[in-house]
Amino acid sequence: MPRELPQQQLERKLAKAMSRAIVDFQLIAEGDRLMVAVSGGKDSYTMLHLLRSLQSRAPVRFELKVVNIDQGHPGYPADTLREYMAREAYDFTMVQEDTYSIVTEKIPANKTYCSLCSRLRRGILYRVAKELGCTKIALGHHRDDVLQTLLLNLLFAGQLGSMPPKLVSAEGQVVIRPLVYCAEEDIAAFSQAEGFPILPCDLCGSQDNLQRKIVGQMITDWERNRPGTKAIMLAALQNVRPSHLLDVRLWKSLGLESALEETADGTFVPDARLVRPQVS
């Protein structure tokens, strides 16, 4: 058997992680029409590539509708994306909506644009998904985005939560994140090897004072000083102990009366075994 090239190994690793997320959270079902939101960055290109590859071997049939939003950024290289999508024969739609003017008008120059920009973009995606008859919207958030959101919520929002792999919006749109188990460094290496035509972000991506960038650098520093930290953090998100948190609403919703002590072998009795008073 021919030896795999590093690029092939990367693709296999990413595809395996994506497939695991799809199975774990039932992200794709028979007959789905996925609207793949492509920003022109490494993450969405990689997601699109992996999803199309998956189509040929998946046990279910699904369609891909690729959508990009031209938000009116000065000098936006829309033709670069159009040419790539045509060359690769994707079913591609570019939507032109000038959110750039709205964001720069409403947000002072020294403030971050992300909140308003993403809210406007999200509304457009929901509308276009409905127009195209799509059952789900696929976004390219990866493992590092998930970890950054966890810390952002913990440090700045006073809540314990991250990006869900699958959610239903207030408008009834189903949003999925197939790359939640994929490492950003693997995506970056694969994107470079594939030569995807990366489009720069001249709005949010050009700001250096973003809390997400700061938190991301913190996690990167931890990983450098203690390799494996990111993998451990992701594992923690998959190994939650509700009874060891302080959310009263959570305790009530789960019918918990007390937490269970750690056993001698270092494991915990499952939370489902509630401690209740004995009735004689």
Protein backbone atom coordinates (compact mmCIF):
# COMPACT_ATOMS: atom_id res chain seq x y z
CA MET A 1 0.00 0.00 0.00
CA PRO A 2 1.41 3.45 -0.94
CA ARG A 3 2.45 5.55 2.01
CA GLU A 4 0.13 8.48 2.74
CA LEU A 5 1.41 12.01 2.24
CA PRO A 6 1.23 14.42 5.21
CA GLN A 7 -1.64 16.23 3.49
CA GLN A 8 -3.58 12.97 3.21
CA GLN A 9 -2.91 12.18 6.85
CA LEU A 10 -4.23 15.58 7.86
CA GLU A 11 -7.37 15.09 5.81
CA ARG A 12 -7.97 11.68 7.34
CA LYS A 13 -7.49 13.08 10.85
CA LEU A 14 -9.87 15.98 10.22
CA ALA A 15 -12.44 13.79 8.47
CA LYS A 16 -12.40 11.33 11.37
CA ALA A 17 -12.92 14.12 13.92
CA MET A 18 -15.74 15.63 11.87
CA SER A 19 -17.44 12.28 11.37
CA ARG A 20 -17.29 11.61 15.11
CA ALA A 21 -19.01 14.93 15.82
CA ILE A 22 -21.68 14.21 13.20
CA VAL A 23 -22.42 10.82 14.76
CA ASP A 24 -22.21 12.02 18.38
CA PHE A 25 -24.68 14.85 17.89
CA GLN A 26 -26.70 13.57 14.89
CA LEU A 27 -25.76 16.61 12.84
CA ILE A 28 -26.77 15.27 9.40
CA ALA A 29 -29.85 13.20 8.52
CA GLU A 30 -31.21 11.56 5.40
CA GLY A 31 -32.36 14.13 2.83
CA ASP A 32 -30.79 17.15 4.53
CA ARG A 33 -30.04 20.20 2.43
CA LEU A 34 -27.12 21.89 4.16
CA MET A 35 -26.40 25.55 3.65
CA VAL A 36 -22.61 25.70 4.08
CA ALA A 37 -21.69 29.23 5.15
CA VAL A 38 -18.30 30.04 3.61
CA SER A 39 -16.53 33.20 4.75
CA GLY A 40 -13.42 32.70 2.64
CA GLY A 41 -11.36 31.69 5.67
CA LYS A 42 -9.46 28.46 6.30
CA ASP A 43 -12.13 26.97 8.57
CA SER A 44 -15.10 27.21 6.23
CA TYR A 45 -13.06 26.10 3.20
CA THR A 46 -11.92 23.03 5.12
CA MET A 47 -15.44 22.26 6.32
CA LEU A 48 -16.80 22.50 2.78
CA HIS A 49 -14.05 20.26 1.40
CA LEU A 50 -14.64 17.62 4.08
CA LEU A 51 -18.43 17.70 3.71
CA ARG A 52 -18.25 17.16 -0.05
CA SER A 53 -15.83 14.29 0.48
CA LEU A 54 -18.21 12.81 3.05
CA GLN A 55 -21.11 12.89 0.57
CA SER A 56 -19.60 10.05 -1.45
CA ARG A 57 -19.31 7.63 1.48
CA ALA A 58 -21.95 8.70 4.01
CA PRO A 59 -24.77 6.25 4.79
CA VAL A 60 -27.27 9.09 4.25
CA ARG A 61 -27.85 11.34 1.27
CA PHE A 62 -27.56 15.10 1.70
CA GLU A 63 -27.14 18.21 -0.47
CA LEU A 64 -24.73 21.12 -0.16
CA LYS A 65 -25.70 24.71 -0.92
CA VAL A 66 -22.69 26.98 -0.51
CA VAL A 67 -23.35 30.59 0.51
CA ASN A 68 -21.08 33.57 1.03
CA ILE A 69 -22.11 37.04 2.17
CA ASP A 70 -20.40 40.00 0.52
CA GLN A 71 -20.83 42.47 3.40
CA GLY A 72 -19.63 45.47 1.46
CA HIS A 73 -16.08 45.66 2.80
CA PRO A 74 -13.97 47.99 0.63
CA GLY A 75 -11.91 45.96 -1.81
CA TYR A 76 -13.64 42.68 -0.97
CA PRO A 77 -12.20 40.09 -3.43
CA ALA A 78 -15.54 38.54 -4.36
CA ASP A 79 -14.29 37.40 -7.77
CA THR A 80 -11.61 35.26 -6.13
CA LEU A 81 -14.28 33.27 -4.31
CA ARG A 82 -16.59 33.09 -7.33
CA GLU A 83 -13.78 31.75 -9.51
CA TYR A 84 -12.82 29.11 -6.94
CA MET A 85 -16.40 27.91 -6.50
CA ALA A 86 -16.91 27.73 -10.27
CA ARG A 87 -13.64 25.85 -10.76
CA GLU A 88 -14.60 23.32 -8.08
CA ALA A 89 -18.19 23.08 -9.39
CA TYR A 90 -19.91 23.92 -6.13
CA ASP A 91 -23.57 24.98 -6.01
CA PHE A 92 -22.68 28.51 -4.96
CA THR A 93 -24.63 31.65 -4.09
CA MET A 94 -23.10 35.00 -3.17
CA VAL A 95 -25.40 37.37 -1.28
CA GLN A 96 -24.59 41.08 -1.32
CA GLU A 97 -25.60 42.94 1.84
CA ASP A 98 -23.86 46.13 2.95
CA THR A 99 -23.52 45.45 6.67
CA TYR A 100 -20.08 47.11 6.66
CA SER A 101 -21.60 50.59 6.49
CA ILE A 102 -24.05 49.81 9.28
CA VAL A 103 -21.37 48.44 11.61
CA THR A 104 -18.88 51.26 11.04
CA GLU A 105 -21.63 53.82 11.51
CA LYS A 106 -23.04 52.34 14.72
CA ILE A 107 -19.82 51.20 16.45
CA PRO A 108 -17.12 53.71 17.49
CA ALA A 109 -13.72 53.15 15.87
CA ASN A 110 -12.11 52.11 19.19
CA LYS A 111 -14.74 49.48 19.96
CA THR A 112 -14.98 45.92 18.64
CA TYR A 113 -17.35 45.24 15.75
CA CYS A 114 -17.90 41.51 16.28
CA SER A 115 -21.20 41.54 18.18
CA LEU A 116 -23.17 43.67 15.73
CA CYS A 117 -21.41 42.28 12.66
CA SER A 118 -22.14 38.67 13.60
CA ARG A 119 -25.74 39.48 14.53
CA LEU A 120 -26.38 41.06 11.14
CA ARG A 121 -24.63 38.23 9.31
CA ARG A 122 -26.58 35.63 11.26
CA GLY A 123 -29.89 37.23 10.32
CA ILE A 124 -28.93 37.18 6.63
CA LEU A 125 -27.91 33.53 6.81
CA TYR A 126 -31.22 32.57 8.42
CA ARG A 127 -33.16 34.37 5.72
CA VAL A 128 -31.15 32.89 2.85
CA ALA A 129 -31.40 29.38 4.30
CA LYS A 130 -35.16 29.68 4.26
CA GLU A 131 -35.15 31.03 0.70
CA LEU A 132 -32.99 28.12 -0.49
CA GLY A 133 -35.08 25.52 1.33
CA CYS A 134 -32.16 24.41 3.49
CA THR A 135 -32.82 22.22 6.51
CA LYS A 136 -29.63 23.16 8.36
CA ILE A 137 -26.89 25.79 8.35
CA ALA A 138 -23.31 24.51 8.71
CA LEU A 139 -20.78 26.86 10.34
CA GLY A 140 -17.03 26.34 10.48
CA HIS A 141 -16.33 26.80 14.20
CA HIS A 142 -13.66 24.40 15.43
CA ARG A 143 -12.27 23.09 18.72
CA ASP A 144 -10.29 26.25 19.50
CA ASP A 145 -13.37 28.45 18.95
CA VAL A 146 -15.24 26.23 21.41
CA LEU A 147 -12.50 26.55 24.04
CA GLN A 148 -12.21 30.30 23.58
CA THR A 149 -15.96 30.72 24.00
CA LEU A 150 -15.85 28.64 27.18
CA LEU A 151 -13.27 30.99 28.72
CA LEU A 152 -14.97 34.13 27.40
CA ASN A 153 -18.21 33.10 29.10
CA LEU A 154 -16.40 32.12 32.28
CA LEU A 155 -14.27 35.27 32.57
CA PHE A 156 -16.50 37.97 31.10
CA ALA A 157 -20.12 36.78 31.05
CA GLY A 158 -20.37 34.97 34.38
CA GLN A 159 -21.73 31.76 32.88
CA LEU A 160 -20.45 28.27 32.18
CA GLY A 161 -21.12 27.41 28.56
CA SER A 162 -19.59 27.21 25.13
CA MET A 163 -20.62 26.78 21.48
CA PRO A 164 -23.13 23.95 21.09
CA PRO A 165 -22.50 21.56 18.20
CA LYS A 166 -26.15 21.84 17.24
CA LEU A 167 -28.80 24.39 18.09
CA VAL A 168 -32.19 25.64 17.00
CA SER A 169 -32.44 29.41 16.62
CA ALA A 170 -35.35 31.55 17.76
CA GLU A 171 -36.35 31.64 14.08
CA GLY A 172 -36.47 27.84 13.97
CA GLN A 173 -33.26 27.41 11.95
CA VAL A 174 -31.06 24.43 12.83
CA VAL A 175 -27.37 25.38 13.05
CA ILE A 176 -24.64 22.73 13.12
CA ARG A 177 -20.88 22.92 13.73
CA PRO A 178 -19.28 19.80 12.22
CA LEU A 179 -15.70 20.86 13.10
CA VAL A 180 -16.13 21.13 16.89
CA TYR A 181 -13.64 18.28 17.46
CA CYS A 182 -11.12 19.55 14.87
CA ALA A 183 -7.96 21.35 16.02
CA GLU A 184 -7.26 24.74 14.50
CA GLU A 185 -3.62 23.91 13.84
CA ASP A 186 -4.67 20.90 11.76
CA ILE A 187 -7.15 23.01 9.82
CA ALA A 188 -4.52 25.69 9.17
CA ALA A 189 -1.98 23.13 7.94
CA PHE A 190 -4.52 21.42 5.70
CA SER A 191 -5.76 24.72 4.29
CA GLN A 192 -2.23 25.76 3.42
CA ALA A 193 -1.52 22.40 1.81
CA GLU A 194 -4.70 22.62 -0.28
CA GLY A 195 -3.93 26.20 -1.32
CA PHE A 196 -7.40 27.54 -0.56
CA PRO A 197 -7.72 31.18 -1.75
CA ILE A 198 -8.06 32.83 1.67
CA LEU A 199 -10.02 36.08 1.81
CA PRO A 200 -8.88 38.51 4.52
CA CYS A 201 -11.32 40.01 7.03
CA ASP A 202 -10.90 43.78 6.97
CA LEU A 203 -13.42 44.40 9.73
CA CYS A 204 -13.46 42.15 12.82
CA GLY A 205 -10.30 40.29 11.88
CA SER A 206 -8.30 43.51 11.65
CA GLN A 207 -8.91 44.54 15.28
CA ASP A 208 -6.24 43.66 17.84
CA ASN A 209 -8.21 44.43 21.00
CA LEU A 210 -10.73 41.60 20.69
CA GLN A 211 -11.29 39.66 23.90
CA ARG A 212 -11.46 36.48 21.80
CA LYS A 213 -7.95 37.12 20.46
CA ILE A 214 -6.65 37.76 23.96
CA VAL A 215 -8.24 34.59 25.35
CA GLY A 216 -7.03 32.64 22.32
CA GLN A 217 -3.47 33.72 23.02
CA MET A 218 -3.86 32.65 26.65
CA ILE A 219 -4.86 29.15 25.57
CA THR A 220 -2.03 29.04 23.04
CA ASP A 221 0.47 29.96 25.76
CA TRP A 222 -0.91 27.21 28.04
CA GLU A 223 -0.61 24.68 25.21
CA ARG A 224 2.96 25.71 24.51
CA ASN A 225 3.94 25.44 28.17
CA ARG A 226 1.97 22.25 28.75
CA PRO A 227 1.30 20.33 25.52
CA GLY A 228 -2.06 18.59 25.52
CA THR A 229 -3.90 21.33 27.42
CA LYS A 230 -6.37 21.93 24.59
CA ALA A 231 -7.21 18.25 24.35
CA ILE A 232 -7.79 18.11 28.11
CA MET A 233 -10.05 21.18 27.98
CA LEU A 234 -12.11 19.62 25.19
CA ALA A 235 -12.34 16.38 27.18
CA ALA A 236 -13.67 18.37 30.15
CA LEU A 237 -16.51 19.70 28.00
CA GLN A 238 -17.42 16.08 27.23
CA ASN A 239 -17.24 15.01 30.88
CA VAL A 240 -19.52 17.42 32.72
CA ARG A 241 -20.66 16.64 36.26
CA PRO A 242 -23.85 18.64 36.81
CA SER A 243 -24.04 17.81 40.54
CA HIS A 244 -20.62 19.43 41.06
CA LEU A 245 -21.77 22.80 39.76
CA LEU A 246 -23.60 25.52 41.70
CA ASP A 247 -26.55 26.11 39.39
CA VAL A 248 -29.70 25.75 41.53
CA ARG A 249 -31.92 25.60 38.43
CA LEU A 250 -29.84 22.71 37.10
CA TRP A 251 -30.09 20.80 40.37
CA LYS A 252 -33.86 21.25 40.41
CA SER A 253 -34.29 20.26 36.76
CA LEU A 254 -32.29 17.05 37.34
CA GLY A 255 -33.99 16.26 40.64
CA LEU A 256 -30.69 16.36 42.54
CA GLU A 257 -30.72 16.49 46.32
CA SER A 258 -26.96 16.16 46.84
CA ALA A 259 -23.79 15.31 45.00
CA LEU A 260 -22.21 11.88 45.31
CA GLU A 261 -18.76 11.42 46.78
CA GLU A 262 -15.80 10.21 44.77
CA THR A 263 -15.20 6.48 45.14
CA ALA A 264 -11.96 4.79 46.25
CA ASP A 265 -10.85 4.12 42.67
CA GLY A 266 -11.10 7.82 41.79
CA THR A 267 -14.36 7.60 39.85
CA PHE A 268 -17.76 9.04 40.58
CA VAL A 269 -21.09 7.28 40.83
CA PRO A 270 -23.25 8.58 37.94
CA ASP A 271 -25.38 11.59 38.78
CA ALA A 272 -28.46 9.61 37.80
CA ARG A 273 -28.18 7.78 41.14
CA LEU A 274 -29.68 10.46 43.31
CA VAL A 275 -29.22 10.54 47.06
CA ARG A 276 -32.67 10.52 48.61
CA PRO A 277 -33.87 9.96 52.17
CA GLN A 278 -34.84 6.38 53.01
CA VAL A 279 -38.52 5.86 53.64
CA SER A 280 -39.30 3.14 56.15
